[in-house]
Amino acid sequence: MSTRSQIKVTYLKQSVLLYHHWDGYPKGVGKDLIQRRKKFNTWNGNLLVNELLKNKRKDDGYEIAFQVHTDLDYWYEIDCNRKTIRCWKVEGYNLSDHAEVIKGEEVPLQ
């Protein structure tokens, strides 16, 4: 069974959603996001998203998402304006009008 996650990257006044189908837990995707942000040495959201999508490794699975998936285990927010990466365990969804994640407990990232 896959551990699905979604990543919201905010930069200036825009946001981009990414989806990752497996290893979405903090020691998987969370660790990867932190390591890659440091490797690319940028808080520019456009550059970061492009690097996540183009620098594919064997175990990568980042892809653009056009909506919130309703089968997620973890929700990540990369706020390039505030220079933060945060993670929450997903508790559920508000499906009125458009899907919105109901965040549970925030999970610390190393």
C-alpha atoms as a PDB file:
ATOM      1  CA  MET A   1       0.000   0.000   0.000  1.00  0.00           C
ATOM      2  CA  SER A   2       1.327   3.455  -0.941  1.00  0.00           C
ATOM      3  CA  THR A   3       1.830   6.337   1.459  1.00  0.00           C
ATOM      4  CA  ARG A   4       0.515   9.236  -0.597  1.00  0.00           C
ATOM      5  CA  SER A   5       1.416  12.863  -0.043  1.00  0.00           C
ATOM      6  CA  GLN A   6       0.759  16.236  -1.557  1.00  0.00           C
ATOM      7  CA  ILE A   7       3.034  19.241  -1.479  1.00  0.00           C
ATOM      8  CA  LYS A   8       1.848  22.842  -1.715  1.00  0.00           C
ATOM      9  CA  VAL A   9       4.654  25.176  -2.761  1.00  0.00           C
ATOM     10  CA  THR A  10       3.942  28.869  -2.180  1.00  0.00           C
ATOM     11  CA  TYR A  11       6.116  31.558  -3.711  1.00  0.00           C
ATOM     12  CA  LEU A  12       5.222  35.242  -3.787  1.00  0.00           C
ATOM     13  CA  LYS A  13       1.442  35.227  -4.400  1.00  0.00           C
ATOM     14  CA  GLN A  14       1.172  31.929  -6.255  1.00  0.00           C
ATOM     15  CA  SER A  15       0.942  28.274  -5.273  1.00  0.00           C
ATOM     16  CA  VAL A  16       1.681  25.016  -7.050  1.00  0.00           C
ATOM     17  CA  LEU A  17       0.475  21.571  -5.980  1.00  0.00           C
ATOM     18  CA  LEU A  18       2.635  18.492  -6.367  1.00  0.00           C
ATOM     19  CA  TYR A  19       1.677  14.886  -5.717  1.00  0.00           C
ATOM     20  CA  HIS A  20       3.885  11.988  -4.656  1.00  0.00           C
ATOM     21  CA  HIS A  21       2.371   8.499  -4.732  1.00  0.00           C
ATOM     22  CA  TRP A  22       4.659   6.555  -2.377  1.00  0.00           C
ATOM     23  CA  ASP A  23       6.970   7.071   0.650  1.00  0.00           C
ATOM     24  CA  GLY A  24       5.023  10.194   1.641  1.00  0.00           C
ATOM     25  CA  TYR A  25       5.913   9.914   5.313  1.00  0.00           C
ATOM     26  CA  PRO A  26       8.348  12.439   6.898  1.00  0.00           C
ATOM     27  CA  LYS A  27      11.355  10.092   6.679  1.00  0.00           C
ATOM     28  CA  GLY A  28      10.623   9.647   2.957  1.00  0.00           C
ATOM     29  CA  VAL A  29       9.250  12.656   1.094  1.00  0.00           C
ATOM     30  CA  GLY A  30       9.819  15.031   4.025  1.00  0.00           C
ATOM     31  CA  LYS A  31      13.507  14.190   4.230  1.00  0.00           C
ATOM     32  CA  ASP A  32      13.826  14.343   0.443  1.00  0.00           C
ATOM     33  CA  LEU A  33      12.224  17.791   0.241  1.00  0.00           C
ATOM     34  CA  ILE A  34      14.577  19.175   2.875  1.00  0.00           C
ATOM     35  CA  GLN A  35      17.668  17.620   1.281  1.00  0.00           C
ATOM     36  CA  ARG A  36      16.767  18.775  -2.211  1.00  0.00           C
ATOM     37  CA  ARG A  37      15.908  22.301  -1.089  1.00  0.00           C
ATOM     38  CA  LYS A  38      19.391  22.497   0.420  1.00  0.00           C
ATOM     39  CA  LYS A  39      21.000  20.905  -2.643  1.00  0.00           C
ATOM     40  CA  PHE A  40      19.323  23.358  -5.030  1.00  0.00           C
ATOM     41  CA  ASN A  41      20.165  26.147  -2.546  1.00  0.00           C
ATOM     42  CA  THR A  42      17.045  28.146  -3.353  1.00  0.00           C
ATOM     43  CA  TRP A  43      13.810  29.387  -1.817  1.00  0.00           C
ATOM     44  CA  ASN A  44      12.578  30.434  -5.278  1.00  0.00           C
ATOM     45  CA  GLY A  45       9.393  28.383  -5.636  1.00  0.00           C
ATOM     46  CA  ASN A  46       9.475  28.298  -9.427  1.00  0.00           C
ATOM     47  CA  LEU A  47      13.022  26.981  -9.486  1.00  0.00           C
ATOM     48  CA  LEU A  48      12.365  24.508  -6.678  1.00  0.00           C
ATOM     49  CA  VAL A  49       9.270  23.045  -8.369  1.00  0.00           C
ATOM     50  CA  ASN A  50      11.092  22.786 -11.699  1.00  0.00           C
ATOM     51  CA  GLU A  51      14.030  21.019 -10.065  1.00  0.00           C
ATOM     52  CA  LEU A  52      11.749  18.557  -8.233  1.00  0.00           C
ATOM     53  CA  LEU A  53      10.032  17.712 -11.511  1.00  0.00           C
ATOM     54  CA  LYS A  54      13.073  17.511 -13.794  1.00  0.00           C
ATOM     55  CA  ASN A  55      15.794  16.008 -11.602  1.00  0.00           C
ATOM     56  CA  LYS A  56      14.276  12.560 -11.543  1.00  0.00           C
ATOM     57  CA  ARG A  57      16.000   9.743  -9.752  1.00  0.00           C
ATOM     58  CA  LYS A  58      14.998   6.103  -9.838  1.00  0.00           C
ATOM     59  CA  ASP A  59      12.700   6.436  -6.813  1.00  0.00           C
ATOM     60  CA  ASP A  60      11.122   9.819  -7.676  1.00  0.00           C
ATOM     61  CA  GLY A  61       7.482  10.343  -8.294  1.00  0.00           C
ATOM     62  CA  TYR A  62       6.805  14.091  -8.063  1.00  0.00           C
ATOM     63  CA  GLU A  63       4.172  15.304 -10.480  1.00  0.00           C
ATOM     64  CA  ILE A  64       2.008  18.396 -10.921  1.00  0.00           C
ATOM     65  CA  ALA A  65      -1.430  18.077  -9.313  1.00  0.00           C
ATOM     66  CA  PHE A  66      -4.407  20.047 -10.565  1.00  0.00           C
ATOM     67  CA  GLN A  67      -6.507  19.422  -7.478  1.00  0.00           C
ATOM     68  CA  VAL A  68      -6.254  18.099  -3.952  1.00  0.00           C
ATOM     69  CA  HIS A  69      -6.175  14.303  -3.965  1.00  0.00           C
ATOM     70  CA  THR A  70      -8.602  12.703  -1.530  1.00  0.00           C
ATOM     71  CA  ASP A  71      -6.503   9.695  -0.594  1.00  0.00           C
ATOM     72  CA  LEU A  72      -3.576  11.403   1.137  1.00  0.00           C
ATOM     73  CA  ASP A  73      -1.664  10.392   4.230  1.00  0.00           C
ATOM     74  CA  TYR A  74       0.547  13.509   4.537  1.00  0.00           C
ATOM     75  CA  TRP A  75       0.267  17.167   3.508  1.00  0.00           C
ATOM     76  CA  TYR A  76       3.404  19.281   3.070  1.00  0.00           C
ATOM     77  CA  GLU A  77       3.656  23.030   2.728  1.00  0.00           C
ATOM     78  CA  ILE A  78       6.788  24.663   1.403  1.00  0.00           C
ATOM     79  CA  ASP A  79       6.420  28.378   2.035  1.00  0.00           C
ATOM     80  CA  CYS A  80       9.247  30.006   0.116  1.00  0.00           C
ATOM     81  CA  ASN A  81       8.213  33.453   1.369  1.00  0.00           C
ATOM     82  CA  ARG A  82       8.735  32.400   4.993  1.00  0.00           C
ATOM     83  CA  LYS A  83      11.444  29.843   4.173  1.00  0.00           C
ATOM     84  CA  THR A  84       9.693  26.965   5.910  1.00  0.00           C
ATOM     85  CA  ILE A  85       8.811  23.348   5.158  1.00  0.00           C
ATOM     86  CA  ARG A  86       6.040  21.866   7.310  1.00  0.00           C
ATOM     87  CA  CYS A  87       4.173  18.560   7.379  1.00  0.00           C
ATOM     88  CA  TRP A  88       0.819  17.375   8.723  1.00  0.00           C
ATOM     89  CA  LYS A  89      -0.850  13.995   9.017  1.00  0.00           C
ATOM     90  CA  VAL A  90      -4.093  14.211   7.025  1.00  0.00           C
ATOM     91  CA  GLU A  91      -7.289  13.639   9.025  1.00  0.00           C
ATOM     92  CA  GLY A  92      -9.849  14.061   6.263  1.00  0.00           C
ATOM     93  CA  TYR A  93     -11.297  16.332   3.604  1.00  0.00           C
ATOM     94  CA  ASN A  94     -13.858  19.076   3.188  1.00  0.00           C
ATOM     95  CA  LEU A  95     -15.435  18.242  -0.147  1.00  0.00           C
ATOM     96  CA  SER A  96     -17.802  21.221  -0.459  1.00  0.00           C
ATOM     97  CA  ASP A  97     -17.149  23.236  -3.637  1.00  0.00           C
ATOM     98  CA  HIS A  98     -13.577  21.934  -3.927  1.00  0.00           C
ATOM     99  CA  ALA A  99     -11.498  19.522  -1.924  1.00  0.00           C
ATOM    100  CA  GLU A 100      -9.667  20.959   1.047  1.00  0.00           C
ATOM    101  CA  VAL A 101      -7.386  18.985   3.328  1.00  0.00           C
ATOM    102  CA  ILE A 102      -8.293  18.767   6.995  1.00  0.00           C
ATOM    103  CA  LYS A 103      -4.934  18.814   8.730  1.00  0.00           C
ATOM    104  CA  GLY A 104      -4.347  16.700  11.774  1.00  0.00           C
ATOM    105  CA  GLU A 105      -1.303  16.808  13.982  1.00  0.00           C
ATOM    106  CA  GLU A 106       1.751  18.626  12.644  1.00  0.00           C
ATOM    107  CA  VAL A 107       4.637  16.210  12.210  1.00  0.00           C
ATOM    108  CA  PRO A 108       8.144  17.536  12.967  1.00  0.00           C
ATOM    109  CA  LEU A 109      10.703  17.330  10.184  1.00  0.00           C
ATOM    110  CA  GLN A 110      14.402  16.738  10.816  1.00  0.00           C
END
